[in-house]
Amino acid sequence: MAEPLRVVESRRLRLVAASLSVVTSDLKGRAELAEALKVGVPDNWPPDLFDRRAMEFAQRELLIASVRGWSFWYLVLKSPKDEQLVGICGFKGRPDPSGSVEIGYSILSQFRNRGYATEAVARLVMWAFSHSTVSEVCAETMPHLGQSIRVLQKNGFRHTGPGSERGVIRYAVRREALN
């Protein structure tokens, strides 16, 4: 039997934490994912930067029970009759020893510029800071991705310097900045 879904909500979105069974369904195809989540899955699923390799990594990580919630979350647009996936948002693992956790997000092209990424990041930053071990949520992006940078800025993230890879920049928001 599949494990129960872990869900948090925002005004327009239902965020469903990746679980081993749901990611396995996702790897099998859109029909299986639609059945697992009981939502519509657009033809162009998955979103950019969320390829099979990323799903397989998440699948391996989710074998460790404590990772659940610290992986990615499926973003479901709430609707009384036709809920559907619009993208993903989530973390790249548990917080490190200093209390920092990295967040990322990707929205399907037809759902961009509607504030869904901003809303999802806001909700997951709140979720992360509900854990006392988290002192900072960070993100890395490319300097030419203005929309991605705006999502971070709208959520209180500030530029902190270069990222972990060449050509990448880092943003972060600290717990005390939101209090």
C-alpha atoms as a PDB file:
ATOM      1  CA  MET A   1       0.000   0.000   0.000  1.00  0.00           C
ATOM      2  CA  ALA A   2       1.258   3.497  -0.865  1.00  0.00           C
ATOM      3  CA  GLU A   3       2.216   5.794   1.969  1.00  0.00           C
ATOM      4  CA  PRO A   4      -0.196   8.671   2.722  1.00  0.00           C
ATOM      5  CA  LEU A   5       0.478  11.918   0.881  1.00  0.00           C
ATOM      6  CA  ARG A   6       2.060  14.791   2.818  1.00  0.00           C
ATOM      7  CA  VAL A   7       0.290  17.975   1.735  1.00  0.00           C
ATOM      8  CA  VAL A   8       0.573  21.679   2.547  1.00  0.00           C
ATOM      9  CA  GLU A   9      -1.561  24.355   0.954  1.00  0.00           C
ATOM     10  CA  SER A  10      -1.281  27.947  -0.154  1.00  0.00           C
ATOM     11  CA  ARG A  11      -4.023  30.196  -1.482  1.00  0.00           C
ATOM     12  CA  ARG A  12      -4.130  28.643  -4.975  1.00  0.00           C
ATOM     13  CA  LEU A  13      -1.891  25.593  -4.711  1.00  0.00           C
ATOM     14  CA  ARG A  14      -1.848  22.222  -3.043  1.00  0.00           C
ATOM     15  CA  LEU A  15       1.775  21.149  -2.556  1.00  0.00           C
ATOM     16  CA  VAL A  16       2.255  17.382  -2.372  1.00  0.00           C
ATOM     17  CA  ALA A  17       5.578  16.112  -1.029  1.00  0.00           C
ATOM     18  CA  ALA A  18       7.324  13.615  -3.251  1.00  0.00           C
ATOM     19  CA  SER A  19       7.097  10.099  -1.894  1.00  0.00           C
ATOM     20  CA  LEU A  20       8.756   6.956  -3.163  1.00  0.00           C
ATOM     21  CA  SER A  21       5.502   5.629  -4.621  1.00  0.00           C
ATOM     22  CA  VAL A  22       4.543   8.899  -6.357  1.00  0.00           C
ATOM     23  CA  VAL A  23       8.010   9.400  -7.869  1.00  0.00           C
ATOM     24  CA  THR A  24       7.951   5.791  -9.075  1.00  0.00           C
ATOM     25  CA  SER A  25       4.596   6.534 -10.734  1.00  0.00           C
ATOM     26  CA  ASP A  26       6.050   9.707 -12.265  1.00  0.00           C
ATOM     27  CA  LEU A  27       8.908   7.696 -13.773  1.00  0.00           C
ATOM     28  CA  LYS A  28       6.391   5.307 -15.362  1.00  0.00           C
ATOM     29  CA  GLY A  29       4.571   8.117 -17.158  1.00  0.00           C
ATOM     30  CA  ARG A  30       1.901  10.777 -17.035  1.00  0.00           C
ATOM     31  CA  ALA A  31      -1.046   8.374 -16.734  1.00  0.00           C
ATOM     32  CA  GLU A  32       0.471   6.669 -13.692  1.00  0.00           C
ATOM     33  CA  LEU A  33       1.306  10.017 -12.079  1.00  0.00           C
ATOM     34  CA  ALA A  34      -2.231  11.290 -12.717  1.00  0.00           C
ATOM     35  CA  GLU A  35      -3.635   8.204 -11.001  1.00  0.00           C
ATOM     36  CA  ALA A  36      -1.249   8.484  -8.032  1.00  0.00           C
ATOM     37  CA  LEU A  37      -2.054  12.156  -7.394  1.00  0.00           C
ATOM     38  CA  LYS A  38      -5.657  12.136  -8.672  1.00  0.00           C
ATOM     39  CA  VAL A  39      -4.983  15.228 -10.813  1.00  0.00           C
ATOM     40  CA  GLY A  40      -4.582  16.143 -14.455  1.00  0.00           C
ATOM     41  CA  VAL A  41      -1.038  15.955 -15.800  1.00  0.00           C
ATOM     42  CA  PRO A  42      -0.387  18.235 -18.815  1.00  0.00           C
ATOM     43  CA  ASP A  43       1.126  16.755 -21.976  1.00  0.00           C
ATOM     44  CA  ASN A  44       4.364  18.727 -21.530  1.00  0.00           C
ATOM     45  CA  TRP A  45       5.110  17.260 -18.063  1.00  0.00           C
ATOM     46  CA  PRO A  46       7.739  17.318 -16.572  1.00  0.00           C
ATOM     47  CA  PRO A  47       8.790  20.975 -16.306  1.00  0.00           C
ATOM     48  CA  ASP A  48      12.207  22.284 -17.370  1.00  0.00           C
ATOM     49  CA  LEU A  49      15.176  21.183 -15.243  1.00  0.00           C
ATOM     50  CA  PHE A  50      13.201  18.263 -13.827  1.00  0.00           C
ATOM     51  CA  ASP A  51      14.307  15.424 -16.033  1.00  0.00           C
ATOM     52  CA  ARG A  52      14.403  11.669 -15.540  1.00  0.00           C
ATOM     53  CA  ARG A  53      17.831  11.920 -13.891  1.00  0.00           C
ATOM     54  CA  ALA A  54      16.462  14.322 -11.251  1.00  0.00           C
ATOM     55  CA  MET A  55      13.500  12.013 -10.605  1.00  0.00           C
ATOM     56  CA  GLU A  56      15.766   8.982 -10.254  1.00  0.00           C
ATOM     57  CA  PHE A  57      17.968  10.907  -7.796  1.00  0.00           C
ATOM     58  CA  ALA A  58      14.872  11.811  -5.755  1.00  0.00           C
ATOM     59  CA  GLN A  59      13.715   8.199  -5.872  1.00  0.00           C
ATOM     60  CA  ARG A  60      17.032   7.009  -4.392  1.00  0.00           C
ATOM     61  CA  GLU A  61      17.006   9.749  -1.743  1.00  0.00           C
ATOM     62  CA  LEU A  62      13.425   8.949  -0.727  1.00  0.00           C
ATOM     63  CA  LEU A  63      14.504   5.456   0.319  1.00  0.00           C
ATOM     64  CA  ILE A  64      15.680   7.294   3.447  1.00  0.00           C
ATOM     65  CA  ALA A  65      12.478   8.100   5.359  1.00  0.00           C
ATOM     66  CA  SER A  66      13.863  11.293   6.930  1.00  0.00           C
ATOM     67  CA  VAL A  67      14.289  12.870   3.478  1.00  0.00           C
ATOM     68  CA  ARG A  68      10.531  13.041   2.840  1.00  0.00           C
ATOM     69  CA  GLY A  69       9.543  16.694   2.660  1.00  0.00           C
ATOM     70  CA  TRP A  70      13.160  17.679   2.008  1.00  0.00           C
ATOM     71  CA  SER A  71      12.909  16.566  -1.607  1.00  0.00           C
ATOM     72  CA  PHE A  72      10.624  18.175  -4.173  1.00  0.00           C
ATOM     73  CA  TRP A  73       6.904  18.896  -3.946  1.00  0.00           C
ATOM     74  CA  TYR A  74       4.385  18.586  -6.776  1.00  0.00           C
ATOM     75  CA  LEU A  75       2.447  21.829  -7.317  1.00  0.00           C
ATOM     76  CA  VAL A  76      -1.245  21.222  -7.939  1.00  0.00           C
ATOM     77  CA  LEU A  77      -3.495  24.085  -9.004  1.00  0.00           C
ATOM     78  CA  LYS A  78      -6.579  23.881  -6.791  1.00  0.00           C
ATOM     79  CA  SER A  79      -9.911  23.726  -8.581  1.00  0.00           C
ATOM     80  CA  PRO A  80     -13.322  22.353  -7.601  1.00  0.00           C
ATOM     81  CA  LYS A  81     -13.497  20.231 -10.760  1.00  0.00           C
ATOM     82  CA  ASP A  82     -10.182  19.983 -12.621  1.00  0.00           C
ATOM     83  CA  GLU A  83      -7.036  20.077 -10.485  1.00  0.00           C
ATOM     84  CA  GLN A  84      -3.814  19.796 -12.447  1.00  0.00           C
ATOM     85  CA  LEU A  85      -0.069  19.864 -12.027  1.00  0.00           C
ATOM     86  CA  VAL A  86       1.598  23.187 -12.793  1.00  0.00           C
ATOM     87  CA  GLY A  87       5.180  22.483 -11.685  1.00  0.00           C
ATOM     88  CA  ILE A  88       7.496  21.476  -8.889  1.00  0.00           C
ATOM     89  CA  CYS A  89       9.221  23.229  -6.018  1.00  0.00           C
ATOM     90  CA  GLY A  90      11.360  21.757  -3.319  1.00  0.00           C
ATOM     91  CA  PHE A  91      14.601  21.196  -1.551  1.00  0.00           C
ATOM     92  CA  LYS A  92      17.846  19.547  -2.572  1.00  0.00           C
ATOM     93  CA  GLY A  93      18.008  17.446   0.575  1.00  0.00           C
ATOM     94  CA  ARG A  94      17.913  17.956   4.322  1.00  0.00           C
ATOM     95  CA  PRO A  95      19.450  21.064   5.908  1.00  0.00           C
ATOM     96  CA  ASP A  96      23.231  20.986   6.212  1.00  0.00           C
ATOM     97  CA  PRO A  97      24.954  21.152   9.635  1.00  0.00           C
ATOM     98  CA  SER A  98      24.890  24.975   9.551  1.00  0.00           C
ATOM     99  CA  GLY A  99      21.095  24.952   9.077  1.00  0.00           C
ATOM    100  CA  SER A 100      21.087  25.923   5.398  1.00  0.00           C
ATOM    101  CA  VAL A 101      18.775  24.199   2.915  1.00  0.00           C
ATOM    102  CA  GLU A 102      18.644  24.845  -0.841  1.00  0.00           C
ATOM    103  CA  ILE A 103      15.346  25.356  -2.679  1.00  0.00           C
ATOM    104  CA  GLY A 104      14.569  25.112  -6.390  1.00  0.00           C
ATOM    105  CA  TYR A 105      11.486  25.364  -8.593  1.00  0.00           C
ATOM    106  CA  SER A 106      10.233  24.912 -12.138  1.00  0.00           C
ATOM    107  CA  ILE A 107       6.838  25.748 -13.629  1.00  0.00           C
ATOM    108  CA  LEU A 108       5.375  24.362 -16.858  1.00  0.00           C
ATOM    109  CA  SER A 109       5.522  26.982 -19.612  1.00  0.00           C
ATOM    110  CA  GLN A 110       1.762  27.501 -19.922  1.00  0.00           C
ATOM    111  CA  PHE A 111       1.491  28.340 -16.200  1.00  0.00           C
ATOM    112  CA  ARG A 112       4.362  30.837 -15.950  1.00  0.00           C
ATOM    113  CA  ASN A 113       3.935  34.524 -15.085  1.00  0.00           C
ATOM    114  CA  ARG A 114       0.965  33.836 -12.828  1.00  0.00           C
ATOM    115  CA  GLY A 115       2.784  33.890  -9.489  1.00  0.00           C
ATOM    116  CA  TYR A 116       2.702  30.140  -8.857  1.00  0.00           C
ATOM    117  CA  ALA A 117       6.472  29.858  -8.307  1.00  0.00           C
ATOM    118  CA  THR A 118       6.416  32.842  -5.932  1.00  0.00           C
ATOM    119  CA  GLU A 119       3.500  31.332  -4.008  1.00  0.00           C
ATOM    120  CA  ALA A 120       5.095  27.876  -3.805  1.00  0.00           C
ATOM    121  CA  VAL A 121       8.468  29.240  -2.666  1.00  0.00           C
ATOM    122  CA  ALA A 122       6.740  31.349   0.013  1.00  0.00           C
ATOM    123  CA  ARG A 123       4.871  28.319   1.340  1.00  0.00           C
ATOM    124  CA  LEU A 124       7.915  26.037   1.377  1.00  0.00           C
ATOM    125  CA  VAL A 125      10.139  28.683   2.983  1.00  0.00           C
ATOM    126  CA  MET A 126       7.515  28.871   5.743  1.00  0.00           C
ATOM    127  CA  TRP A 127       7.501  25.061   5.948  1.00  0.00           C
ATOM    128  CA  ALA A 128      11.326  24.956   6.161  1.00  0.00           C
ATOM    129  CA  PHE A 129      11.452  27.584   8.908  1.00  0.00           C
ATOM    130  CA  SER A 130       8.879  25.606  10.898  1.00  0.00           C
ATOM    131  CA  HIS A 131      11.815  23.251  11.577  1.00  0.00           C
ATOM    132  CA  SER A 132      14.061  24.657  14.299  1.00  0.00           C
ATOM    133  CA  THR A 133      17.201  23.276  12.632  1.00  0.00           C
ATOM    134  CA  VAL A 134      16.758  25.557   9.592  1.00  0.00           C
ATOM    135  CA  SER A 135      18.430  28.966   9.829  1.00  0.00           C
ATOM    136  CA  GLU A 136      18.633  29.787   6.116  1.00  0.00           C
ATOM    137  CA  VAL A 137      16.954  28.870   2.831  1.00  0.00           C
ATOM    138  CA  CYS A 138      19.163  29.474  -0.200  1.00  0.00           C
ATOM    139  CA  ALA A 139      18.788  29.162  -3.957  1.00  0.00           C
ATOM    140  CA  GLU A 140      21.119  29.253  -6.920  1.00  0.00           C
ATOM    141  CA  THR A 141      20.203  30.604 -10.337  1.00  0.00           C
ATOM    142  CA  MET A 142      21.758  32.072 -13.455  1.00  0.00           C
ATOM    143  CA  PRO A 143      22.179  35.857 -13.617  1.00  0.00           C
ATOM    144  CA  HIS A 144      20.201  36.067 -16.884  1.00  0.00           C
ATOM    145  CA  LEU A 145      17.101  34.365 -15.421  1.00  0.00           C
ATOM    146  CA  GLY A 146      15.297  37.522 -14.347  1.00  0.00           C
ATOM    147  CA  GLN A 147      11.994  35.798 -13.597  1.00  0.00           C
ATOM    148  CA  SER A 148      13.702  33.330 -11.284  1.00  0.00           C
ATOM    149  CA  ILE A 149      15.529  36.131  -9.489  1.00  0.00           C
ATOM    150  CA  ARG A 150      12.256  38.046  -9.039  1.00  0.00           C
ATOM    151  CA  VAL A 151      10.627  34.981  -7.451  1.00  0.00           C
ATOM    152  CA  LEU A 152      13.427  34.937  -4.896  1.00  0.00           C
ATOM    153  CA  GLN A 153      13.395  38.690  -4.268  1.00  0.00           C
ATOM    154  CA  LYS A 154       9.617  38.702  -3.727  1.00  0.00           C
ATOM    155  CA  ASN A 155      10.199  36.115  -1.000  1.00  0.00           C
ATOM    156  CA  GLY A 156      12.824  38.145   0.847  1.00  0.00           C
ATOM    157  CA  PHE A 157      15.899  36.441  -0.623  1.00  0.00           C
ATOM    158  CA  ARG A 158      18.984  38.619  -1.040  1.00  0.00           C
ATOM    159  CA  HIS A 159      21.942  38.150  -3.370  1.00  0.00           C
ATOM    160  CA  THR A 160      24.833  36.687  -1.366  1.00  0.00           C
ATOM    161  CA  GLY A 161      27.462  36.187  -4.064  1.00  0.00           C
ATOM    162  CA  PRO A 162      28.564  33.500  -6.492  1.00  0.00           C
ATOM    163  CA  GLY A 163      26.969  30.071  -6.452  1.00  0.00           C
ATOM    164  CA  SER A 164      28.598  26.671  -6.176  1.00  0.00           C
ATOM    165  CA  GLU A 165      29.191  26.402  -9.933  1.00  0.00           C
ATOM    166  CA  ARG A 166      30.713  28.738 -12.496  1.00  0.00           C
ATOM    167  CA  GLY A 167      28.213  31.266 -13.848  1.00  0.00           C
ATOM    168  CA  VAL A 168      25.700  30.705 -11.047  1.00  0.00           C
ATOM    169  CA  ILE A 169      24.665  33.231  -8.397  1.00  0.00           C
ATOM    170  CA  ARG A 170      23.386  32.549  -4.896  1.00  0.00           C
ATOM    171  CA  TYR A 171      20.468  34.070  -3.017  1.00  0.00           C
ATOM    172  CA  ALA A 172      19.415  33.397   0.569  1.00  0.00           C
ATOM    173  CA  VAL A 173      16.874  34.362   3.186  1.00  0.00           C
ATOM    174  CA  ARG A 174      17.668  33.952   6.870  1.00  0.00           C
ATOM    175  CA  ARG A 175      15.128  33.067   9.528  1.00  0.00           C
ATOM    176  CA  GLU A 176      15.641  36.340  11.390  1.00  0.00           C
ATOM    177  CA  ALA A 177      14.962  38.351   8.206  1.00  0.00           C
ATOM    178  CA  LEU A 178      11.391  37.051   8.157  1.00  0.00           C
ATOM    179  CA  ASN A 179      10.639  37.778  11.823  1.00  0.00           C
END
